[in-house]
Amino acid sequence: MNLQRLFWTFAFTGLVAAAPLAAMAQARAHVHGQLKLDIAIEGPTVVIEMESPLENFVGFEHAPKTEAEKKIAGDVVAQLRAADQLFKIDPAANCKLGPVTLRSAALGLGKAETGASEGHADLDGTIAFNCTKATETKFIELALFSAFTGLRQIDVQLVSPDGQFKRTLKRPATRLTWGGK
């Protein structure tokens, strides 16, 4: 089972009504400065689904044209692939970075986005962490605001053994918490 399917199966089967989710997916907003994270903690994994306008990371929303744009895009992709530097999971969970899958039609990564058009490119991803005690996770430190100056807000939906949570982090906040900590 791929990680994205694991995430969606765990996070939303029986936990959230299907109709509102379908409506949310169809009405997915493309808002500059905002990044969306869906996080599922189950068994030995922490899976993070990320949706963001490309501009939040690179400062433009088109395929890189100049050498400078290509370098910026390459640096951003490298940063995101080193996701354990951007998402620091609660040490109690004892997590190690697993597979990172990035998707952006403009950058030639993964499958093309549905409905993407010139001027509205995204950079999405699935980031998995393999943990010995994933269910012990009570917080994640996010280094996204310091790494990507175009970000102003991070909207999070999280499903964990402690329950379902929605959180919004605004610059300069760095700690995502839920449950008992």
N, C-alpha and C. Protein backbone atom coordinates (compact mmCIF):
# COMPACT_ATOMS: atom_id res chain seq x y z
N MET A 1 0.86 -1.17 0.00
CA MET A 1 0.00 0.00 0.00
C MET A 1 0.90 1.23 0.00
N ASN A 2 0.67 2.17 -0.90
CA ASN A 2 1.54 3.35 -0.90
C ASN A 2 1.18 4.27 0.26
N LEU A 3 2.11 5.15 0.62
CA LEU A 3 1.93 6.00 1.80
C LEU A 3 0.77 6.96 1.67
N GLN A 4 0.55 7.48 0.48
CA GLN A 4 -0.56 8.40 0.30
C GLN A 4 -1.89 7.68 0.55
N ARG A 5 -2.02 6.47 0.04
CA ARG A 5 -3.24 5.70 0.27
C ARG A 5 -3.38 5.37 1.75
N LEU A 6 -2.28 5.00 2.42
CA LEU A 6 -2.32 4.73 3.85
C LEU A 6 -2.82 5.96 4.61
N PHE A 7 -2.29 7.11 4.26
CA PHE A 7 -2.70 8.34 4.92
C PHE A 7 -4.21 8.55 4.79
N TRP A 8 -4.68 8.53 3.56
CA TRP A 8 -6.10 8.84 3.35
C TRP A 8 -7.00 7.76 3.94
N THR A 9 -6.56 6.51 3.85
CA THR A 9 -7.37 5.43 4.43
C THR A 9 -7.51 5.62 5.93
N PHE A 10 -6.40 5.86 6.60
CA PHE A 10 -6.43 6.02 8.05
C PHE A 10 -7.11 7.31 8.46
N ALA A 11 -6.72 8.39 7.84
CA ALA A 11 -7.16 9.70 8.29
C ALA A 11 -8.65 9.94 8.12
N PHE A 12 -9.22 9.40 7.08
CA PHE A 12 -10.57 9.82 6.80
C PHE A 12 -11.61 8.70 6.72
N THR A 13 -11.20 7.43 6.69
CA THR A 13 -12.19 6.36 6.67
C THR A 13 -12.87 6.30 8.02
N GLY A 14 -14.12 6.59 8.03
CA GLY A 14 -14.90 6.52 9.26
C GLY A 14 -14.70 7.68 10.21
N LEU A 15 -13.77 8.59 9.91
CA LEU A 15 -13.51 9.71 10.81
C LEU A 15 -14.15 11.00 10.34
N VAL A 16 -14.23 11.19 9.04
CA VAL A 16 -14.78 12.43 8.49
C VAL A 16 -15.73 12.03 7.36
N ALA A 17 -16.85 12.68 7.26
CA ALA A 17 -17.81 12.35 6.21
C ALA A 17 -17.20 12.57 4.83
N ALA A 18 -17.51 11.68 3.90
CA ALA A 18 -16.91 11.74 2.57
C ALA A 18 -17.38 12.94 1.76
N ALA A 19 -18.63 13.32 1.87
CA ALA A 19 -19.14 14.42 1.06
C ALA A 19 -18.42 15.73 1.30
N PRO A 20 -18.21 16.17 2.57
CA PRO A 20 -17.48 17.41 2.76
C PRO A 20 -16.05 17.35 2.23
N LEU A 21 -15.42 16.18 2.32
CA LEU A 21 -14.06 16.05 1.79
C LEU A 21 -14.04 16.22 0.28
N ALA A 22 -15.00 15.62 -0.40
CA ALA A 22 -15.06 15.75 -1.85
C ALA A 22 -15.25 17.21 -2.23
N ALA A 23 -16.11 17.89 -1.50
CA ALA A 23 -16.34 19.31 -1.78
C ALA A 23 -15.08 20.12 -1.52
N MET A 24 -14.36 19.79 -0.43
CA MET A 24 -13.12 20.52 -0.13
C MET A 24 -12.08 20.29 -1.23
N ALA A 25 -11.97 19.06 -1.70
CA ALA A 25 -10.98 18.75 -2.73
C ALA A 25 -11.29 19.51 -4.01
N GLN A 26 -12.59 19.60 -4.38
CA GLN A 26 -12.96 20.31 -5.59
C GLN A 26 -12.74 21.81 -5.45
N ALA A 27 -12.90 22.33 -4.24
CA ALA A 27 -12.79 23.76 -4.02
C ALA A 27 -11.42 24.13 -3.46
N ARG A 28 -10.42 23.30 -3.69
CA ARG A 28 -9.08 23.52 -3.17
C ARG A 28 -8.60 24.91 -3.56
N ALA A 29 -8.38 25.71 -2.56
CA ALA A 29 -7.97 27.09 -2.80
C ALA A 29 -6.47 27.15 -3.09
N HIS A 30 -6.11 28.03 -3.97
CA HIS A 30 -4.72 28.29 -4.32
C HIS A 30 -4.40 29.68 -3.77
N VAL A 31 -3.91 29.71 -2.53
CA VAL A 31 -3.70 30.98 -1.85
C VAL A 31 -2.22 31.17 -1.58
N HIS A 32 -1.66 32.21 -2.16
CA HIS A 32 -0.25 32.50 -1.94
C HIS A 32 -0.01 32.80 -0.48
N GLY A 33 1.10 32.29 0.04
CA GLY A 33 1.45 32.51 1.43
C GLY A 33 0.91 31.44 2.36
N GLN A 34 -0.02 30.61 1.88
CA GLN A 34 -0.60 29.55 2.70
C GLN A 34 -0.16 28.18 2.22
N LEU A 35 0.11 27.32 3.18
CA LEU A 35 0.49 25.94 2.92
C LEU A 35 -0.47 25.06 3.71
N LYS A 36 -0.89 23.95 3.12
CA LYS A 36 -1.79 23.02 3.81
C LYS A 36 -1.05 21.73 4.11
N LEU A 37 -1.20 21.26 5.34
CA LEU A 37 -0.63 19.98 5.76
C LEU A 37 -1.74 19.09 6.29
N ASP A 38 -1.76 17.85 5.84
CA ASP A 38 -2.61 16.81 6.41
C ASP A 38 -1.64 15.80 7.00
N ILE A 39 -1.78 15.53 8.28
CA ILE A 39 -0.84 14.65 8.97
C ILE A 39 -1.60 13.49 9.58
N ALA A 40 -1.09 12.27 9.36
CA ALA A 40 -1.67 11.07 9.96
C ALA A 40 -0.58 10.35 10.74
N ILE A 41 -0.93 9.99 11.97
CA ILE A 41 -0.02 9.23 12.83
C ILE A 41 -0.70 7.90 13.10
N GLU A 42 -0.10 6.82 12.60
CA GLU A 42 -0.69 5.50 12.78
C GLU A 42 0.43 4.47 12.78
N GLY A 43 0.28 3.50 13.67
CA GLY A 43 1.27 2.42 13.72
C GLY A 43 2.67 2.99 13.80
N PRO A 44 3.55 2.54 12.92
CA PRO A 44 4.94 3.01 12.98
C PRO A 44 5.23 4.22 12.08
N THR A 45 4.20 4.92 11.62
CA THR A 45 4.47 6.01 10.66
C THR A 45 3.81 7.33 11.03
N VAL A 46 4.48 8.37 10.60
CA VAL A 46 3.92 9.72 10.57
C VAL A 46 3.98 10.11 9.09
N VAL A 47 2.82 10.37 8.50
CA VAL A 47 2.75 10.73 7.09
C VAL A 47 2.23 12.15 6.98
N ILE A 48 2.94 12.97 6.20
CA ILE A 48 2.57 14.36 6.01
C ILE A 48 2.27 14.58 4.53
N GLU A 49 1.05 15.04 4.25
CA GLU A 49 0.67 15.43 2.89
C GLU A 49 0.71 16.96 2.85
N MET A 50 1.40 17.50 1.87
CA MET A 50 1.61 18.94 1.77
C MET A 50 1.04 19.45 0.45
N GLU A 51 0.30 20.57 0.51
CA GLU A 51 -0.20 21.25 -0.69
C GLU A 51 0.17 22.72 -0.58
N SER A 52 0.76 23.26 -1.65
CA SER A 52 1.18 24.65 -1.61
C SER A 52 1.32 25.22 -3.01
N PRO A 53 0.99 26.50 -3.17
CA PRO A 53 1.37 27.16 -4.41
C PRO A 53 2.89 27.13 -4.55
N LEU A 54 3.37 26.91 -5.74
CA LEU A 54 4.81 26.87 -6.01
C LEU A 54 5.49 28.17 -5.56
N GLU A 55 4.79 29.28 -5.73
CA GLU A 55 5.37 30.58 -5.39
C GLU A 55 5.84 30.66 -3.94
N ASN A 56 5.17 29.95 -3.03
CA ASN A 56 5.58 29.98 -1.62
C ASN A 56 7.02 29.51 -1.42
N PHE A 57 7.47 28.65 -2.30
CA PHE A 57 8.81 28.08 -2.16
C PHE A 57 9.85 28.77 -3.03
N VAL A 58 9.50 29.09 -4.27
CA VAL A 58 10.51 29.59 -5.21
C VAL A 58 10.34 31.05 -5.60
N GLY A 59 9.16 31.64 -5.31
CA GLY A 59 8.94 33.04 -5.65
C GLY A 59 8.36 33.26 -7.04
N PHE A 60 8.03 32.17 -7.75
CA PHE A 60 7.39 32.28 -9.07
C PHE A 60 6.52 31.04 -9.27
N GLU A 61 5.61 31.13 -10.26
CA GLU A 61 4.67 30.02 -10.50
C GLU A 61 4.69 29.56 -11.95
N HIS A 62 5.86 29.25 -12.42
CA HIS A 62 6.00 28.74 -13.79
C HIS A 62 7.23 27.85 -13.81
N ALA A 63 7.39 27.13 -14.89
CA ALA A 63 8.59 26.32 -15.03
C ALA A 63 9.80 27.26 -15.01
N PRO A 64 10.86 26.89 -14.32
CA PRO A 64 12.04 27.75 -14.27
C PRO A 64 12.57 28.00 -15.68
N LYS A 65 12.84 29.28 -15.97
CA LYS A 65 13.29 29.65 -17.31
C LYS A 65 14.76 30.05 -17.34
N THR A 66 15.18 30.80 -16.36
CA THR A 66 16.56 31.28 -16.34
C THR A 66 17.42 30.34 -15.50
N GLU A 67 18.71 30.49 -15.62
CA GLU A 67 19.62 29.69 -14.79
C GLU A 67 19.39 29.98 -13.31
N ALA A 68 19.12 31.24 -12.98
CA ALA A 68 18.87 31.61 -11.58
C ALA A 68 17.61 30.91 -11.06
N GLU A 69 16.53 30.91 -11.87
CA GLU A 69 15.30 30.22 -11.46
C GLU A 69 15.52 28.72 -11.32
N LYS A 70 16.30 28.14 -12.23
CA LYS A 70 16.60 26.70 -12.15
C LYS A 70 17.37 26.37 -10.88
N LYS A 71 18.29 27.25 -10.50
CA LYS A 71 19.05 27.02 -9.27
C LYS A 71 18.15 27.13 -8.05
N ILE A 72 17.29 28.14 -8.01
CA ILE A 72 16.35 28.30 -6.90
C ILE A 72 15.48 27.05 -6.77
N ALA A 73 14.92 26.60 -7.89
CA ALA A 73 14.04 25.42 -7.87
C ALA A 73 14.80 24.19 -7.40
N GLY A 74 16.01 24.00 -7.89
CA GLY A 74 16.82 22.85 -7.47
C GLY A 74 17.14 22.88 -5.98
N ASP A 75 17.45 24.07 -5.47
CA ASP A 75 17.73 24.21 -4.03
C ASP A 75 16.50 23.90 -3.19
N VAL A 76 15.32 24.36 -3.63
CA VAL A 76 14.08 24.10 -2.91
C VAL A 76 13.77 22.61 -2.90
N VAL A 77 13.90 21.96 -4.04
CA VAL A 77 13.64 20.52 -4.11
C VAL A 77 14.59 19.77 -3.17
N ALA A 78 15.85 20.16 -3.14
CA ALA A 78 16.81 19.52 -2.23
C ALA A 78 16.41 19.73 -0.77
N GLN A 79 15.97 20.95 -0.44
CA GLN A 79 15.52 21.24 0.93
C GLN A 79 14.33 20.36 1.31
N LEU A 80 13.36 20.26 0.42
CA LEU A 80 12.17 19.47 0.72
C LEU A 80 12.47 17.98 0.81
N ARG A 81 13.42 17.51 0.03
CA ARG A 81 13.81 16.09 0.11
C ARG A 81 14.54 15.80 1.42
N ALA A 82 15.13 16.81 2.03
CA ALA A 82 15.76 16.67 3.35
C ALA A 82 14.72 17.08 4.41
N ALA A 83 13.54 16.51 4.32
CA ALA A 83 12.39 16.93 5.12
C ALA A 83 12.60 16.79 6.62
N ASP A 84 13.53 15.95 7.04
CA ASP A 84 13.77 15.83 8.48
C ASP A 84 14.41 17.08 9.06
N GLN A 85 14.86 17.98 8.21
CA GLN A 85 15.36 19.27 8.66
C GLN A 85 14.25 20.32 8.75
N LEU A 86 13.14 20.06 8.09
CA LEU A 86 11.99 20.97 8.07
C LEU A 86 10.88 20.54 9.03
N PHE A 87 10.79 19.23 9.26
CA PHE A 87 9.78 18.65 10.14
C PHE A 87 10.52 17.83 11.20
N LYS A 88 10.63 18.37 12.39
CA LYS A 88 11.33 17.65 13.46
C LYS A 88 10.28 17.06 14.39
N ILE A 89 10.12 15.74 14.25
CA ILE A 89 9.11 15.01 15.00
C ILE A 89 9.55 14.89 16.46
N ASP A 90 8.59 14.96 17.38
CA ASP A 90 8.81 14.75 18.81
C ASP A 90 9.81 13.60 19.01
N PRO A 91 10.93 13.85 19.71
CA PRO A 91 11.93 12.79 19.90
C PRO A 91 11.39 11.53 20.57
N ALA A 92 10.30 11.64 21.34
CA ALA A 92 9.71 10.46 21.99
C ALA A 92 9.27 9.41 20.97
N ALA A 93 9.00 9.82 19.74
CA ALA A 93 8.53 8.90 18.71
C ALA A 93 9.67 8.14 18.04
N ASN A 94 10.89 8.63 18.18
CA ASN A 94 12.07 7.99 17.58
C ASN A 94 11.87 7.74 16.07
N CYS A 95 11.74 8.83 15.32
CA CYS A 95 11.44 8.75 13.89
C CYS A 95 12.67 8.99 13.03
N LYS A 96 12.67 8.33 11.89
CA LYS A 96 13.68 8.55 10.84
C LYS A 96 12.93 8.85 9.55
N LEU A 97 13.50 9.75 8.76
CA LEU A 97 12.88 10.11 7.49
C LEU A 97 12.77 8.90 6.58
N GLY A 98 11.58 8.72 6.01
CA GLY A 98 11.33 7.68 5.02
C GLY A 98 11.22 8.31 3.65
N PRO A 99 10.39 7.74 2.79
CA PRO A 99 10.25 8.27 1.43
C PRO A 99 9.67 9.68 1.39
N VAL A 100 10.19 10.48 0.48
CA VAL A 100 9.67 11.82 0.20
C VAL A 100 9.31 11.84 -1.28
N THR A 101 8.05 12.14 -1.58
CA THR A 101 7.60 12.22 -2.96
C THR A 101 7.09 13.63 -3.21
N LEU A 102 7.69 14.30 -4.18
CA LEU A 102 7.29 15.67 -4.53
C LEU A 102 6.58 15.65 -5.87
N ARG A 103 5.57 16.54 -6.01
CA ARG A 103 4.80 16.63 -7.24
C ARG A 103 4.66 18.10 -7.64
N SER A 104 5.07 18.39 -8.86
CA SER A 104 4.89 19.73 -9.43
C SER A 104 5.07 19.64 -10.94
N ALA A 105 4.00 19.90 -11.67
CA ALA A 105 4.10 19.86 -13.13
C ALA A 105 5.10 20.90 -13.63
N ALA A 106 5.11 22.07 -13.01
CA ALA A 106 6.01 23.15 -13.44
C ALA A 106 7.48 22.77 -13.26
N LEU A 107 7.75 21.93 -12.25
CA LEU A 107 9.14 21.52 -12.00
C LEU A 107 9.44 20.13 -12.57
N GLY A 108 8.45 19.54 -13.23
CA GLY A 108 8.66 18.22 -13.82
C GLY A 108 8.77 17.11 -12.78
N LEU A 109 8.09 17.27 -11.66
CA LEU A 109 8.14 16.28 -10.58
C LEU A 109 6.81 15.54 -10.48
N GLY A 110 6.83 14.23 -10.55
CA GLY A 110 5.63 13.44 -10.35
C GLY A 110 4.57 13.69 -11.40
N LYS A 111 3.34 13.33 -11.05
CA LYS A 111 2.21 13.50 -11.96
C LYS A 111 1.78 14.96 -12.00
N ALA A 112 1.28 15.39 -13.15
CA ALA A 112 0.80 16.77 -13.30
C ALA A 112 -0.39 17.00 -12.39
N GLU A 113 -0.50 18.21 -11.87
CA GLU A 113 -1.62 18.57 -11.01
C GLU A 113 -2.89 18.66 -11.83
N THR A 114 -3.98 18.21 -11.25
CA THR A 114 -5.28 18.34 -11.91
C THR A 114 -5.69 19.80 -11.88
N GLY A 115 -6.03 20.34 -13.01
CA GLY A 115 -6.51 21.72 -13.07
C GLY A 115 -5.40 22.76 -12.99
N ALA A 116 -4.13 22.35 -13.00
CA ALA A 116 -3.06 23.34 -12.94
C ALA A 116 -3.03 24.11 -14.25
N SER A 117 -2.79 25.38 -14.14
CA SER A 117 -2.70 26.20 -15.34
C SER A 117 -1.55 27.19 -15.17
N GLU A 118 -1.12 27.76 -16.26
CA GLU A 118 -0.04 28.74 -16.20
C GLU A 118 -0.43 29.84 -15.23
N GLY A 119 0.45 30.16 -14.30
CA GLY A 119 0.17 31.18 -13.32
C GLY A 119 -0.39 30.63 -12.02
N HIS A 120 -0.68 29.31 -11.97
CA HIS A 120 -1.22 28.73 -10.74
C HIS A 120 -0.61 27.36 -10.48
N ALA A 121 0.69 27.27 -10.56
CA ALA A 121 1.38 26.00 -10.33
C ALA A 121 1.52 25.73 -8.84
N ASP A 122 1.53 24.45 -8.50
CA ASP A 122 1.68 24.02 -7.12
C ASP A 122 2.94 23.19 -6.96
N LEU A 123 3.32 23.01 -5.71
CA LEU A 123 4.35 22.06 -5.33
C LEU A 123 3.77 21.30 -4.14
N ASP A 124 3.43 20.05 -4.37
CA ASP A 124 2.81 19.21 -3.35
C ASP A 124 3.77 18.09 -3.01
N GLY A 125 3.51 17.43 -1.89
CA GLY A 125 4.39 16.33 -1.52
C GLY A 125 3.80 15.41 -0.49
N THR A 126 4.38 14.22 -0.41
CA THR A 126 4.09 13.24 0.62
C THR A 126 5.41 12.93 1.31
N ILE A 127 5.42 13.11 2.62
CA ILE A 127 6.64 12.91 3.40
C ILE A 127 6.31 11.89 4.48
N ALA A 128 7.09 10.83 4.52
CA ALA A 128 6.83 9.78 5.51
C ALA A 128 8.01 9.66 6.46
N PHE A 129 7.66 9.42 7.70
CA PHE A 129 8.66 9.13 8.73
C PHE A 129 8.36 7.75 9.30
N ASN A 130 9.39 6.93 9.42
CA ASN A 130 9.28 5.61 10.04
C ASN A 130 9.74 5.75 11.47
N CYS A 131 8.91 5.31 12.40
CA CYS A 131 9.16 5.54 13.82
C CYS A 131 9.07 4.24 14.61
N THR A 132 9.75 4.19 15.74
CA THR A 132 9.58 3.04 16.63
C THR A 132 8.41 3.25 17.57
N LYS A 133 8.05 4.53 17.82
CA LYS A 133 6.94 4.85 18.73
C LYS A 133 6.15 6.03 18.17
N ALA A 134 5.67 5.93 16.96
CA ALA A 134 4.96 7.04 16.32
C ALA A 134 3.81 7.56 17.16
N THR A 135 3.12 6.66 17.85
CA THR A 135 1.95 7.08 18.62
C THR A 135 2.33 7.92 19.84
N GLU A 136 3.60 8.02 20.16
CA GLU A 136 4.07 8.88 21.25
C GLU A 136 4.22 10.34 20.81
N THR A 137 4.10 10.59 19.52
CA THR A 137 4.28 11.93 18.97
C THR A 137 3.22 12.88 19.52
N LYS A 138 3.65 13.99 20.11
CA LYS A 138 2.74 15.01 20.64
C LYS A 138 3.00 16.39 20.04
N PHE A 139 4.11 16.52 19.29
CA PHE A 139 4.40 17.80 18.65
C PHE A 139 5.34 17.58 17.47
N ILE A 140 5.34 18.54 16.58
CA ILE A 140 6.28 18.59 15.46
C ILE A 140 6.79 20.02 15.37
N GLU A 141 8.10 20.16 15.37
CA GLU A 141 8.72 21.48 15.15
C GLU A 141 8.82 21.69 13.64
N LEU A 142 8.31 22.81 13.18
CA LEU A 142 8.33 23.13 11.75
C LEU A 142 9.33 24.26 11.47
N ALA A 143 10.25 24.00 10.58
CA ALA A 143 11.22 25.02 10.19
C ALA A 143 10.84 25.64 8.84
N LEU A 144 9.58 25.52 8.48
CA LEU A 144 9.13 25.99 7.16
C LEU A 144 9.16 27.50 7.03
N PHE A 145 8.77 28.23 8.06
CA PHE A 145 8.77 29.69 7.95
C PHE A 145 10.19 30.24 7.78
N SER A 146 11.14 29.66 8.48
CA SER A 146 12.51 30.17 8.35
C SER A 146 13.14 29.74 7.02
N ALA A 147 12.73 28.59 6.50
CA ALA A 147 13.29 28.10 5.24
C ALA A 147 12.69 28.78 4.01
N PHE A 148 11.40 29.14 4.11
CA PHE A 148 10.69 29.67 2.94
C PHE A 148 9.98 30.97 3.32
N THR A 149 10.59 32.07 2.95
CA THR A 149 10.10 33.38 3.38
C THR A 149 8.75 33.74 2.76
N GLY A 150 8.32 33.06 1.71
CA GLY A 150 7.03 33.33 1.10
C GLY A 150 5.85 32.79 1.89
N LEU A 151 6.12 31.95 2.88
CA LEU A 151 5.04 31.39 3.70
C LEU A 151 4.62 32.36 4.79
N ARG A 152 3.32 32.50 4.99
CA ARG A 152 2.78 33.31 6.08
C ARG A 152 1.92 32.49 7.03
N GLN A 153 1.33 31.39 6.50
CA GLN A 153 0.38 30.62 7.31
C GLN A 153 0.43 29.16 6.90
N ILE A 154 0.32 28.28 7.90
CA ILE A 154 0.26 26.84 7.67
C ILE A 154 -1.03 26.32 8.30
N ASP A 155 -1.89 25.75 7.48
CA ASP A 155 -3.15 25.18 7.95
C ASP A 155 -2.97 23.67 8.04
N VAL A 156 -3.26 23.12 9.22
CA VAL A 156 -2.99 21.70 9.49
C VAL A 156 -4.27 20.98 9.88
N GLN A 157 -4.45 19.81 9.30
CA GLN A 157 -5.43 18.83 9.77
C GLN A 157 -4.62 17.62 10.19
N LEU A 158 -4.88 17.13 11.41
CA LEU A 158 -4.08 16.05 11.95
C LEU A 158 -4.98 14.98 12.54
N VAL A 159 -4.64 13.74 12.27
CA VAL A 159 -5.32 12.60 12.87
C VAL A 159 -4.25 11.79 13.59
N SER A 160 -4.48 11.57 14.88
CA SER A 160 -3.53 10.81 15.71
C SER A 160 -4.33 9.93 16.65
N PRO A 161 -3.66 9.06 17.39
CA PRO A 161 -4.37 8.26 18.39
C PRO A 161 -5.07 9.14 19.44
N ASP A 162 -4.63 10.39 19.59
CA ASP A 162 -5.24 11.32 20.54
C ASP A 162 -6.51 11.97 19.99
N GLY A 163 -6.77 11.81 18.70
CA GLY A 163 -7.97 12.40 18.10
C GLY A 163 -7.66 13.15 16.82
N GLN A 164 -8.64 13.93 16.38
CA GLN A 164 -8.50 14.77 15.19
C GLN A 164 -8.32 16.22 15.63
N PHE A 165 -7.45 16.93 14.93
CA PHE A 165 -7.17 18.31 15.31
C PHE A 165 -7.00 19.16 14.07
N LYS A 166 -7.41 20.42 14.20
CA LYS A 166 -7.13 21.44 13.18
C LYS A 166 -6.31 22.50 13.88
N ARG A 167 -5.27 22.94 13.22
CA ARG A 167 -4.42 23.99 13.77
C ARG A 167 -4.03 24.93 12.64
N THR A 168 -3.80 26.18 13.01
CA THR A 168 -3.26 27.17 12.08
C THR A 168 -2.04 27.79 12.74
N LEU A 169 -0.92 27.73 12.04
CA LEU A 169 0.29 28.38 12.51
C LEU A 169 0.56 29.58 11.63
N LYS A 170 0.88 30.68 12.26
CA LYS A 170 1.25 31.89 11.52
C LYS A 170 2.66 32.27 11.92
N ARG A 171 3.36 32.85 10.97
CA ARG A 171 4.72 33.30 11.19
C ARG A 171 4.76 34.12 12.46
N PRO A 172 5.62 33.93 13.40
CA PRO A 172 6.83 33.10 13.40
C PRO A 172 6.68 31.78 14.16
N ALA A 173 5.45 31.32 14.45
CA ALA A 173 5.25 30.08 15.22
C ALA A 173 5.97 28.91 14.56
N THR A 174 6.50 28.02 15.37
CA THR A 174 7.23 26.88 14.82
C THR A 174 6.76 25.53 15.37
N ARG A 175 6.03 25.52 16.47
CA ARG A 175 5.66 24.25 17.09
C ARG A 175 4.18 23.94 16.86
N LEU A 176 3.96 22.78 16.27
CA LEU A 176 2.62 22.24 16.08
C LEU A 176 2.38 21.26 17.22
N THR A 177 1.38 21.54 18.06
CA THR A 177 1.08 20.67 19.20
C THR A 177 -0.36 20.21 19.15
N TRP A 178 -0.63 19.12 19.85
CA TRP A 178 -1.96 18.59 19.99
C TRP A 178 -1.92 17.63 21.18
N GLY A 179 -3.06 17.14 21.56
CA GLY A 179 -3.12 16.16 22.63
C GLY A 179 -2.66 16.74 23.95
N GLY A 180 -1.89 15.96 24.70
CA GLY A 180 -1.52 16.32 26.07
C GLY A 180 -0.35 17.25 26.24
N LYS A 181 0.42 17.56 25.19
CA LYS A 181 1.61 18.43 25.38
C LYS A 181 1.39 19.79 24.79
